[in-house]
N, C-alpha and C. Protein backbone atom coordinates (compact mmCIF):
# COMPACT_ATOMS: atom_id res chain seq x y z
N UNK A 1 3.63 -10.34 13.14
CA UNK A 1 2.85 -9.38 12.73
C UNK A 1 1.83 -9.22 13.98
N UNK A 2 1.20 -10.13 14.36
CA UNK A 2 0.31 -9.96 15.67
C UNK A 2 0.77 -9.50 16.78
N UNK A 3 2.02 -9.89 17.19
CA UNK A 3 2.77 -9.49 18.38
C UNK A 3 3.00 -7.87 18.26
N UNK A 4 3.63 -7.58 16.85
CA UNK A 4 3.81 -6.11 16.77
C UNK A 4 2.78 -5.17 16.61
N UNK A 5 1.50 -5.51 15.93
CA UNK A 5 0.49 -4.69 16.15
C UNK A 5 0.03 -4.60 17.75
N UNK A 6 0.07 -5.80 18.41
CA UNK A 6 -0.61 -5.78 19.69
C UNK A 6 0.30 -4.88 20.52
N UNK A 7 1.61 -4.57 20.21
CA UNK A 7 2.47 -3.89 20.92
C UNK A 7 2.11 -2.10 20.72
N UNK A 8 1.39 -1.94 19.57
CA UNK A 8 1.23 -0.66 19.01
C UNK A 8 -0.51 -0.12 19.27
N UNK A 9 -1.09 -1.29 19.19
CA UNK A 9 -2.62 -0.88 18.92
C UNK A 9 -3.25 -0.37 20.26
N UNK A 10 -2.69 -0.47 21.38
CA UNK A 10 -3.44 0.39 22.42
C UNK A 10 -2.89 1.95 22.45
N UNK A 11 -1.73 2.12 22.01
CA UNK A 11 -1.07 3.45 21.80
C UNK A 11 -1.70 4.19 20.68
N UNK A 12 -1.92 3.48 19.71
CA UNK A 12 -2.48 3.86 18.39
C UNK A 12 -3.72 3.77 18.01
N UNK A 13 -4.84 4.01 18.58
CA UNK A 13 -6.14 3.40 18.63
C UNK A 13 -6.88 3.74 17.36
N UNK A 14 -6.37 4.73 16.56
CA UNK A 14 -6.86 4.76 15.35
C UNK A 14 -6.20 4.11 14.05
N UNK A 15 -5.26 3.22 14.57
CA UNK A 15 -4.57 2.27 13.52
C UNK A 15 -5.51 1.26 13.18
N UNK A 16 -5.43 0.79 11.97
CA UNK A 16 -5.99 -0.65 11.53
C UNK A 16 -4.79 -1.52 10.93
N UNK A 17 -5.14 -2.94 11.23
CA UNK A 17 -4.51 -3.81 10.48
C UNK A 17 -5.46 -4.84 9.73
N UNK A 18 -4.99 -4.55 8.54
CA UNK A 18 -5.77 -5.60 7.48
C UNK A 18 -4.95 -6.61 7.05
N UNK A 19 -5.32 -7.86 7.56
CA UNK A 19 -4.52 -9.08 7.21
C UNK A 19 -5.07 -9.71 5.73
N UNK A 20 -4.32 -9.87 4.93
CA UNK A 20 -4.68 -10.48 3.57
C UNK A 20 -3.86 -11.56 3.32
N UNK A 21 -4.63 -12.78 2.99
CA UNK A 21 -3.82 -13.62 2.75
C UNK A 21 -4.57 -15.24 3.36
N UNK A 22 -4.29 -16.11 2.96
CA UNK A 22 -4.88 -17.41 3.60
C UNK A 22 -4.92 -17.51 5.00
N UNK A 23 -5.88 -17.71 5.68
CA UNK A 23 -5.97 -17.83 7.12
C UNK A 23 -6.42 -19.40 7.58
N UNK A 24 -6.50 -20.19 6.63
CA UNK A 24 -6.92 -21.52 6.78
C UNK A 24 -5.89 -22.54 5.72
N UNK A 25 -5.92 -23.66 6.31
CA UNK A 25 -5.14 -24.55 5.53
C UNK A 25 -5.97 -24.79 4.10
N UNK A 26 -7.30 -24.79 4.21
CA UNK A 26 -8.19 -24.93 3.11
C UNK A 26 -7.95 -23.85 2.05
N UNK A 27 -7.52 -22.70 2.40
CA UNK A 27 -7.19 -21.59 1.57
C UNK A 27 -5.85 -21.46 1.04
N UNK A 28 -4.91 -22.43 1.75
CA UNK A 28 -3.52 -22.58 1.35
C UNK A 28 -2.35 -22.14 2.47
N UNK A 29 -2.94 -21.66 3.65
CA UNK A 29 -2.17 -21.51 4.64
C UNK A 29 -1.22 -22.50 5.08
N UNK A 30 0.19 -22.35 5.30
CA UNK A 30 0.95 -23.24 5.73
C UNK A 30 1.04 -23.76 7.28
N UNK A 31 0.32 -22.98 7.98
CA UNK A 31 0.25 -23.13 9.33
C UNK A 31 -0.90 -23.68 9.67
N UNK A 32 -0.93 -24.74 10.72
CA UNK A 32 -2.09 -25.52 11.11
C UNK A 32 -3.11 -24.66 12.03
N UNK A 33 -4.41 -24.87 12.04
CA UNK A 33 -5.27 -24.01 12.65
C UNK A 33 -4.80 -23.53 13.91
N UNK A 34 -4.52 -24.56 14.86
CA UNK A 34 -4.20 -24.50 16.16
C UNK A 34 -3.00 -23.41 16.23
N UNK A 35 -2.07 -23.74 15.42
CA UNK A 35 -0.77 -22.97 15.76
C UNK A 35 -1.06 -21.37 15.12
N UNK A 36 -2.13 -21.33 14.14
CA UNK A 36 -2.34 -19.86 13.59
C UNK A 36 -3.07 -19.24 14.72
N UNK A 37 -3.84 -19.83 15.43
CA UNK A 37 -4.74 -19.17 16.55
C UNK A 37 -3.91 -18.67 17.60
N UNK A 38 -2.88 -19.54 17.91
CA UNK A 38 -1.75 -19.23 18.81
C UNK A 38 -1.12 -17.86 18.36
N UNK A 39 -0.75 -17.79 17.10
CA UNK A 39 -0.18 -16.55 16.55
C UNK A 39 -0.90 -15.45 16.51
N UNK A 40 -2.26 -15.63 16.37
CA UNK A 40 -3.18 -14.57 16.28
C UNK A 40 -3.74 -13.98 17.83
N UNK A 41 -3.57 -14.92 18.64
CA UNK A 41 -4.16 -14.62 19.84
C UNK A 41 -3.90 -12.98 20.43
N UNK A 42 -2.45 -12.52 20.45
CA UNK A 42 -2.18 -11.18 20.78
C UNK A 42 -3.13 -10.11 20.22
N UNK A 43 -3.91 -10.55 19.10
CA UNK A 43 -4.78 -9.48 18.60
C UNK A 43 -5.98 -9.65 18.95
N UNK A 44 -6.55 -10.49 19.83
CA UNK A 44 -8.01 -10.55 20.36
C UNK A 44 -8.30 -9.17 21.15
N UNK A 45 -7.60 -8.66 21.98
CA UNK A 45 -7.97 -7.21 22.75
C UNK A 45 -8.06 -6.33 21.53
N UNK A 46 -7.82 -6.52 20.18
CA UNK A 46 -7.66 -5.35 19.31
C UNK A 46 -8.73 -5.49 17.98
N UNK A 47 -9.89 -6.37 18.47
CA UNK A 47 -10.53 -7.10 17.27
C UNK A 47 -11.35 -5.87 16.67
N UNK A 48 -11.46 -4.67 17.15
CA UNK A 48 -12.15 -3.55 16.40
C UNK A 48 -11.17 -2.93 15.40
N UNK A 49 -9.94 -2.89 15.57
CA UNK A 49 -8.63 -2.53 14.83
C UNK A 49 -8.26 -3.47 13.74
N UNK A 50 -8.67 -4.62 13.77
CA UNK A 50 -8.11 -5.74 12.98
C UNK A 50 -9.21 -6.40 12.14
N UNK A 51 -8.65 -6.62 10.92
CA UNK A 51 -9.78 -7.42 10.06
C UNK A 51 -9.18 -8.33 9.12
N UNK A 52 -9.44 -9.46 9.18
CA UNK A 52 -8.67 -10.50 8.30
C UNK A 52 -9.61 -10.52 6.93
N UNK A 53 -9.23 -10.46 5.81
CA UNK A 53 -9.93 -10.67 4.64
C UNK A 53 -9.59 -12.16 3.99
N UNK A 54 -8.78 -12.81 4.61
CA UNK A 54 -8.41 -14.13 3.74
C UNK A 54 -7.84 -14.07 2.58
N UNK A 55 -7.81 -15.05 1.84
CA UNK A 55 -7.19 -14.92 0.35
C UNK A 55 -8.18 -14.16 -0.57
N UNK A 56 -7.46 -13.24 -1.24
CA UNK A 56 -8.24 -12.31 -1.95
C UNK A 56 -7.72 -12.72 -3.67
N UNK A 57 -8.49 -13.31 -4.36
CA UNK A 57 -8.04 -13.52 -5.82
C UNK A 57 -8.41 -12.36 -6.84
N UNK A 58 -9.28 -11.60 -6.18
CA UNK A 58 -9.98 -10.41 -7.28
C UNK A 58 -8.76 -9.28 -7.36
N UNK A 59 -8.35 -9.02 -8.28
CA UNK A 59 -7.15 -8.10 -8.33
C UNK A 59 -7.56 -6.69 -8.20
N UNK A 60 -8.90 -6.53 -8.69
CA UNK A 60 -9.51 -5.06 -8.11
C UNK A 60 -9.80 -4.94 -6.64
N UNK A 61 -10.06 -5.88 -5.97
CA UNK A 61 -10.44 -5.53 -4.55
C UNK A 61 -8.68 -5.73 -3.96
N UNK A 62 -7.70 -6.24 -4.32
CA UNK A 62 -6.39 -5.85 -3.99
C UNK A 62 -6.15 -4.46 -4.09
N UNK A 63 -6.29 -4.10 -5.29
CA UNK A 63 -5.93 -2.49 -5.76
C UNK A 63 -6.68 -1.69 -4.88
N UNK A 64 -7.69 -1.93 -4.59
CA UNK A 64 -8.91 -1.24 -3.66
C UNK A 64 -8.27 -1.31 -2.36
N UNK A 65 -7.76 -2.57 -1.79
CA UNK A 65 -7.27 -2.34 -0.25
C UNK A 65 -5.65 -1.57 -0.15
N UNK A 66 -5.07 -1.77 -1.41
CA UNK A 66 -3.80 -1.35 -1.31
C UNK A 66 -3.69 0.15 -1.45
N UNK A 67 -4.80 0.77 -2.30
CA UNK A 67 -5.05 2.19 -2.40
C UNK A 67 -5.75 2.96 -1.26
N UNK A 68 -6.12 2.12 -0.21
CA UNK A 68 -6.73 2.70 0.83
C UNK A 68 -5.74 2.55 2.26
N UNK A 69 -4.49 2.01 1.88
CA UNK A 69 -3.63 1.84 2.98
C UNK A 69 -2.58 2.85 3.04
N UNK A 70 -1.85 2.93 4.08
CA UNK A 70 -0.81 4.05 4.38
C UNK A 70 0.68 3.37 4.42
N UNK A 71 0.55 1.95 4.49
CA UNK A 71 1.86 1.43 4.73
C UNK A 71 1.51 -0.35 4.37
N UNK A 72 2.43 -0.85 3.91
CA UNK A 72 2.46 -2.35 3.70
C UNK A 72 3.43 -2.97 4.19
N UNK A 73 2.90 -4.14 5.21
CA UNK A 73 3.86 -4.76 5.86
C UNK A 73 3.87 -6.07 5.66
N UNK A 74 5.27 -6.77 5.51
CA UNK A 74 5.40 -8.22 4.91
C UNK A 74 6.42 -8.69 5.69
N UNK A 75 6.26 -9.30 6.99
CA UNK A 75 7.17 -9.77 7.74
C UNK A 75 7.23 -11.20 7.50
N UNK A 76 7.84 -11.78 6.31
CA UNK A 76 7.82 -13.17 5.77
C UNK A 76 9.15 -13.60 6.17
N UNK A 77 9.23 -15.05 6.53
CA UNK A 77 10.16 -15.89 6.84
C UNK A 77 11.19 -16.21 5.58
N UNK A 78 10.22 -16.29 4.54
CA UNK A 78 11.01 -16.86 3.26
C UNK A 78 10.17 -16.31 2.12
N UNK A 79 11.11 -15.91 1.04
CA UNK A 79 10.05 -15.52 -0.02
C UNK A 79 10.94 -15.59 -1.38
N UNK A 80 10.43 -16.15 -2.51
CA UNK A 80 10.93 -16.00 -3.74
C UNK A 80 11.24 -14.68 -4.38
N UNK A 81 10.39 -14.50 -5.55
CA UNK A 81 9.90 -13.32 -5.89
C UNK A 81 8.77 -12.72 -5.26
N UNK A 82 9.18 -11.56 -4.57
CA UNK A 82 8.24 -10.66 -3.58
C UNK A 82 7.25 -9.93 -4.44
N UNK A 83 6.37 -10.78 -5.00
CA UNK A 83 5.22 -10.08 -5.85
C UNK A 83 4.39 -9.22 -4.93
N UNK A 84 4.04 -9.62 -3.75
CA UNK A 84 3.01 -8.58 -2.86
C UNK A 84 3.67 -7.43 -2.53
N UNK A 85 4.91 -7.35 -2.00
CA UNK A 85 5.42 -6.03 -1.74
C UNK A 85 5.76 -5.40 -2.86
N UNK A 86 6.05 -6.07 -3.94
CA UNK A 86 6.13 -5.30 -5.37
C UNK A 86 4.85 -4.58 -5.99
N UNK A 87 3.65 -5.20 -6.01
CA UNK A 87 2.39 -4.46 -5.93
C UNK A 87 2.26 -3.25 -4.96
N UNK A 88 2.29 -3.68 -3.89
CA UNK A 88 2.21 -2.41 -2.72
C UNK A 88 3.16 -1.39 -3.41
N UNK A 89 4.01 -1.26 -3.58
CA UNK A 89 5.20 -0.41 -3.98
C UNK A 89 4.76 0.25 -5.34
N UNK A 90 4.28 -0.56 -6.36
CA UNK A 90 3.61 0.02 -7.43
C UNK A 90 2.68 0.95 -7.44
N UNK A 91 1.72 0.87 -6.07
CA UNK A 91 0.83 1.56 -5.80
C UNK A 91 1.24 2.83 -4.97
N UNK A 92 2.45 2.70 -4.85
CA UNK A 92 3.03 3.83 -4.10
C UNK A 92 2.98 3.81 -2.59
N UNK A 93 2.99 2.51 -2.21
CA UNK A 93 3.23 2.27 -0.63
C UNK A 93 4.36 2.21 -0.05
N UNK A 94 4.96 2.80 1.05
CA UNK A 94 6.08 2.55 1.30
C UNK A 94 6.09 0.90 2.21
N UNK A 95 7.03 0.30 2.32
CA UNK A 95 7.01 -1.12 2.66
C UNK A 95 7.99 -1.36 3.69
N UNK A 96 7.34 -2.21 4.87
CA UNK A 96 8.10 -2.81 5.83
C UNK A 96 8.36 -4.36 5.70
N UNK A 97 9.34 -4.95 5.30
CA UNK A 97 9.63 -6.13 5.04
C UNK A 97 10.77 -6.87 5.80
N UNK A 98 10.92 -8.10 5.69
CA UNK A 98 11.90 -8.97 6.48
C UNK A 98 13.41 -8.58 5.53
N UNK A 99 14.37 -8.59 6.29
CA UNK A 99 15.57 -8.61 5.73
C UNK A 99 16.06 -9.98 5.03
N UNK A 100 15.46 -10.47 4.01
CA UNK A 100 15.78 -11.74 3.44
C UNK A 100 16.17 -11.79 1.93
N UNK A 101 16.72 -12.61 1.61
CA UNK A 101 16.97 -12.68 0.05
C UNK A 101 15.74 -12.79 -0.77
N UNK A 102 15.34 -12.39 -1.91
CA UNK A 102 14.12 -12.46 -2.51
C UNK A 102 13.61 -10.88 -2.27
N UNK A 103 13.36 -10.73 -1.03
CA UNK A 103 12.64 -9.26 -0.82
C UNK A 103 13.61 -8.01 -1.15
N UNK A 104 15.03 -8.37 -0.22
CA UNK A 104 15.75 -7.12 -0.09
C UNK A 104 16.89 -7.26 -1.29
N UNK A 105 17.12 -8.11 -2.04
CA UNK A 105 18.02 -8.17 -3.28
C UNK A 105 16.99 -7.61 -4.74
N UNK A 106 15.79 -7.95 -4.39
CA UNK A 106 15.11 -7.83 -5.50
C UNK A 106 14.28 -6.30 -5.71
N UNK A 107 13.39 -6.18 -4.45
CA UNK A 107 12.53 -5.31 -4.59
C UNK A 107 12.83 -3.99 -3.72
N UNK A 108 12.67 -4.07 -2.10
CA UNK A 108 12.80 -3.06 -1.55
C UNK A 108 14.19 -2.55 -0.97
N UNK A 109 14.66 -1.11 -0.97
CA UNK A 109 15.77 -0.75 -0.53
C UNK A 109 15.67 -0.15 1.04
N UNK A 110 16.42 -0.60 1.85
CA UNK A 110 16.10 -0.01 3.37
C UNK A 110 16.47 1.60 3.22
N UNK A 111 15.63 2.37 3.86
CA UNK A 111 15.42 3.48 3.99
C UNK A 111 15.45 4.48 2.86
N UNK A 112 15.01 3.45 1.62
CA UNK A 112 14.71 4.41 0.66
C UNK A 112 13.19 4.30 -0.06
N UNK A 113 12.84 2.98 0.08
CA UNK A 113 11.51 2.49 -0.45
C UNK A 113 10.86 2.00 0.81
N UNK A 114 11.42 2.06 1.97
CA UNK A 114 10.82 1.42 3.24
C UNK A 114 11.81 1.08 4.11
N UNK A 115 11.51 0.23 5.18
CA UNK A 115 12.28 -0.24 6.20
C UNK A 115 12.49 -1.84 6.07
N UNK A 116 13.60 -2.26 6.38
CA UNK A 116 13.88 -3.75 6.46
C UNK A 116 14.07 -4.19 7.97
N UNK A 117 13.62 -5.49 8.17
CA UNK A 117 13.42 -5.84 9.72
C UNK A 117 14.16 -7.11 9.76
N UNK A 118 14.77 -7.52 10.75
CA UNK A 118 15.31 -9.05 11.06
C UNK A 118 14.18 -10.09 10.86
N UNK A 119 14.10 -11.19 10.39
CA UNK A 119 13.29 -12.16 10.47
C UNK A 119 12.85 -12.45 11.89
N UNK A 120 11.67 -12.50 12.32
CA UNK A 120 10.91 -12.94 13.61
C UNK A 120 11.17 -11.94 14.75
N UNK A 121 11.88 -10.75 14.30
CA UNK A 121 11.98 -9.79 15.50
C UNK A 121 10.73 -8.86 15.51
N UNK A 122 9.80 -9.34 16.50
CA UNK A 122 8.56 -8.58 16.46
C UNK A 122 8.96 -7.07 16.95
N UNK A 123 9.91 -6.86 17.86
CA UNK A 123 10.14 -5.58 18.32
C UNK A 123 10.62 -4.59 17.12
N UNK A 124 11.40 -5.02 16.37
CA UNK A 124 12.01 -4.21 15.41
C UNK A 124 10.98 -4.04 14.43
N UNK A 125 9.90 -5.03 14.04
CA UNK A 125 9.11 -4.63 13.37
C UNK A 125 7.97 -3.60 13.95
N UNK A 126 7.68 -3.61 15.19
CA UNK A 126 6.77 -2.60 15.80
C UNK A 126 7.36 -1.36 15.56
N UNK A 127 8.76 -1.16 15.92
CA UNK A 127 9.52 0.10 15.69
C UNK A 127 9.16 0.61 14.36
N UNK A 128 9.52 -0.19 13.34
CA UNK A 128 9.43 0.07 11.88
C UNK A 128 7.97 0.60 11.63
N UNK A 129 7.07 -0.20 12.09
CA UNK A 129 5.79 0.17 11.89
C UNK A 129 5.44 1.43 12.57
N UNK A 130 5.91 1.76 13.53
CA UNK A 130 5.43 2.94 14.23
C UNK A 130 6.15 4.02 13.73
N UNK A 131 7.60 3.85 13.45
CA UNK A 131 8.26 5.11 12.72
C UNK A 131 7.54 5.46 11.32
N UNK A 132 7.09 4.63 10.42
CA UNK A 132 6.44 4.98 9.41
C UNK A 132 5.00 5.19 9.72
N UNK A 133 4.29 4.77 10.44
CA UNK A 133 3.12 5.05 10.89
C UNK A 133 2.90 6.59 11.20
N UNK A 134 3.66 7.11 12.11
CA UNK A 134 3.79 8.38 12.79
C UNK A 134 4.39 9.45 11.63
N UNK A 135 5.09 8.95 10.77
CA UNK A 135 5.82 10.06 9.91
C UNK A 135 5.12 10.27 8.51
N UNK A 136 4.25 10.95 8.33
CA UNK A 136 3.56 11.13 6.97
C UNK A 136 4.42 11.31 5.85
N UNK A 137 5.46 12.31 6.09
CA UNK A 137 6.46 13.01 4.99
C UNK A 137 7.19 11.76 4.75
N UNK A 138 7.81 10.84 5.48
CA UNK A 138 8.67 9.91 5.36
C UNK A 138 8.14 8.68 4.56
N UNK A 139 6.66 8.72 4.99
CA UNK A 139 5.91 7.64 4.18
C UNK A 139 5.60 8.00 2.90
N UNK A 140 5.47 9.22 2.49
CA UNK A 140 5.25 9.70 1.23
C UNK A 140 6.48 9.85 0.45
N UNK A 141 7.76 10.09 1.01
CA UNK A 141 8.95 9.87 0.10
C UNK A 141 9.27 8.45 0.10
N UNK A 142 9.05 7.66 0.87
CA UNK A 142 9.39 6.16 0.72
C UNK A 142 8.47 5.50 -0.31
N UNK A 143 7.36 5.94 -0.36
CA UNK A 143 6.06 5.68 -1.33
C UNK A 143 6.46 6.04 -2.83
N UNK A 144 6.76 7.27 -2.87
CA UNK A 144 7.24 7.87 -4.21
C UNK A 144 8.45 7.15 -4.67
N UNK A 145 9.35 6.78 -3.74
CA UNK A 145 10.73 6.05 -4.13
C UNK A 145 10.15 4.61 -4.67
N UNK A 146 9.31 4.19 -3.84
CA UNK A 146 8.97 2.64 -4.03
C UNK A 146 8.29 2.70 -5.54
N UNK A 147 7.44 3.37 -5.71
CA UNK A 147 6.76 3.57 -7.14
C UNK A 147 7.71 3.63 -8.38
N UNK A 148 8.55 4.82 -8.05
CA UNK A 148 9.72 4.96 -8.93
C UNK A 148 10.64 3.63 -9.45
N UNK A 149 10.99 2.95 -8.25
CA UNK A 149 11.91 1.64 -8.41
C UNK A 149 11.00 0.83 -9.09
N UNK A 150 9.80 0.52 -8.89
CA UNK A 150 9.05 -0.41 -9.54
C UNK A 150 9.06 -0.08 -11.11
N UNK A 151 8.81 1.26 -11.48
CA UNK A 151 8.59 1.59 -12.71
C UNK A 151 9.85 1.64 -13.32
N UNK A 152 10.96 1.89 -12.97
CA UNK A 152 12.32 1.99 -13.64
C UNK A 152 12.86 0.33 -13.78
N UNK A 153 12.88 -0.28 -12.47
CA UNK A 153 13.49 -1.75 -12.56
C UNK A 153 12.49 -2.76 -12.99
N UNK A 154 11.36 -2.75 -12.80
CA UNK A 154 10.65 -3.89 -13.17
C UNK A 154 9.55 -3.73 -14.28
N UNK A 155 9.51 -2.20 -14.95
CA UNK A 155 8.56 -2.30 -16.04
C UNK A 155 8.83 -3.12 -17.25
N UNK A 156 7.91 -3.38 -18.11
CA UNK A 156 8.20 -4.15 -19.38
C UNK A 156 9.22 -3.24 -20.28
N UNK A 157 8.99 -1.93 -20.18
CA UNK A 157 9.82 -0.69 -21.02
C UNK A 157 11.35 -1.24 -20.66
N UNK A 158 11.55 -1.06 -19.09
CA UNK A 158 12.77 -1.32 -18.65
C UNK A 158 13.58 -2.53 -18.95
N UNK A 159 12.66 -3.34 -18.89
CA UNK A 159 13.17 -4.98 -18.99
C UNK A 159 13.78 -5.02 -20.77
N UNK A 160 12.86 -4.49 -21.51
CA UNK A 160 13.13 -4.38 -22.92
C UNK A 160 14.55 -3.87 -23.15
N UNK A 161 14.55 -2.53 -22.42
CA UNK A 161 15.61 -1.66 -22.76
C UNK A 161 17.07 -2.49 -22.34
N UNK A 162 16.91 -3.14 -21.19
CA UNK A 162 18.13 -3.73 -20.64
C UNK A 162 18.49 -4.97 -21.44
N UNK A 163 17.35 -5.76 -22.18
CA UNK A 163 17.48 -7.05 -22.97
C UNK A 163 18.46 -6.29 -24.31
N UNK A 164 17.89 -5.27 -24.90
CA UNK A 164 18.48 -4.51 -25.80
C UNK A 164 19.91 -4.12 -25.77
N UNK A 165 19.93 -3.60 -24.54
CA UNK A 165 21.48 -3.34 -24.16
C UNK A 165 22.47 -4.79 -24.23
N UNK A 166 21.79 -5.55 -23.81
CA UNK A 166 22.76 -7.00 -23.66
C UNK A 166 22.99 -7.32 -25.16
N UNK A 167 21.88 -7.25 -26.06
CA UNK A 167 22.16 -7.76 -27.23
C UNK A 167 22.86 -6.96 -28.38
N UNK A 168 22.91 -5.73 -27.95
CA UNK A 168 23.65 -4.63 -28.88
C UNK A 168 25.18 -4.68 -28.26
N UNK A 169 25.47 -4.87 -27.04
CA UNK A 169 26.83 -5.01 -26.53
C UNK A 169 27.39 -6.49 -27.22
N UNK A 170 26.53 -7.47 -27.32
CA UNK A 170 26.97 -8.74 -27.56
C UNK A 170 27.35 -8.74 -29.30
N UNK A 171 26.76 -7.87 -29.96
CA UNK A 171 26.84 -7.79 -31.21
C UNK A 171 28.13 -6.83 -31.57
N UNK A 172 28.58 -6.14 -30.83
CA UNK A 172 29.90 -5.15 -31.01
C UNK A 172 31.12 -6.05 -30.95
């Protein structure tokens, strides 16, 4: 993420990067402080465009940040159930996520709800961020699709309907 934003920050000086999540081992970050500092070093020259919130446990604060965002970027290396991107999608945000099981087979659909990028490919991540960052109409379309996907595929009503179908087919 740091490398990708560093590649874009100078060109897009009105763009901001909000980092949410543990930024220390005390907060639950799996990366040690020295390695994390090295990873974040490319962002030093963009200090006025970058804000780190650390771990946020207040759901209202998360909702506020997502509501004030244009795009959700989740370049993870591994993930089980991708709750963070799904929360962003539920808020109508397009997503840029790593092409990995758990994210791509559950939540995001490439070029429908957002863009998928290879794990660890900072250049592809920067291209995807720039593509959606510059295209308001595409962001709106993907964001609407994302919100609809969460509503239809992950709502309680949809879940109940699918289980009712399973039970009724089993009784026949």
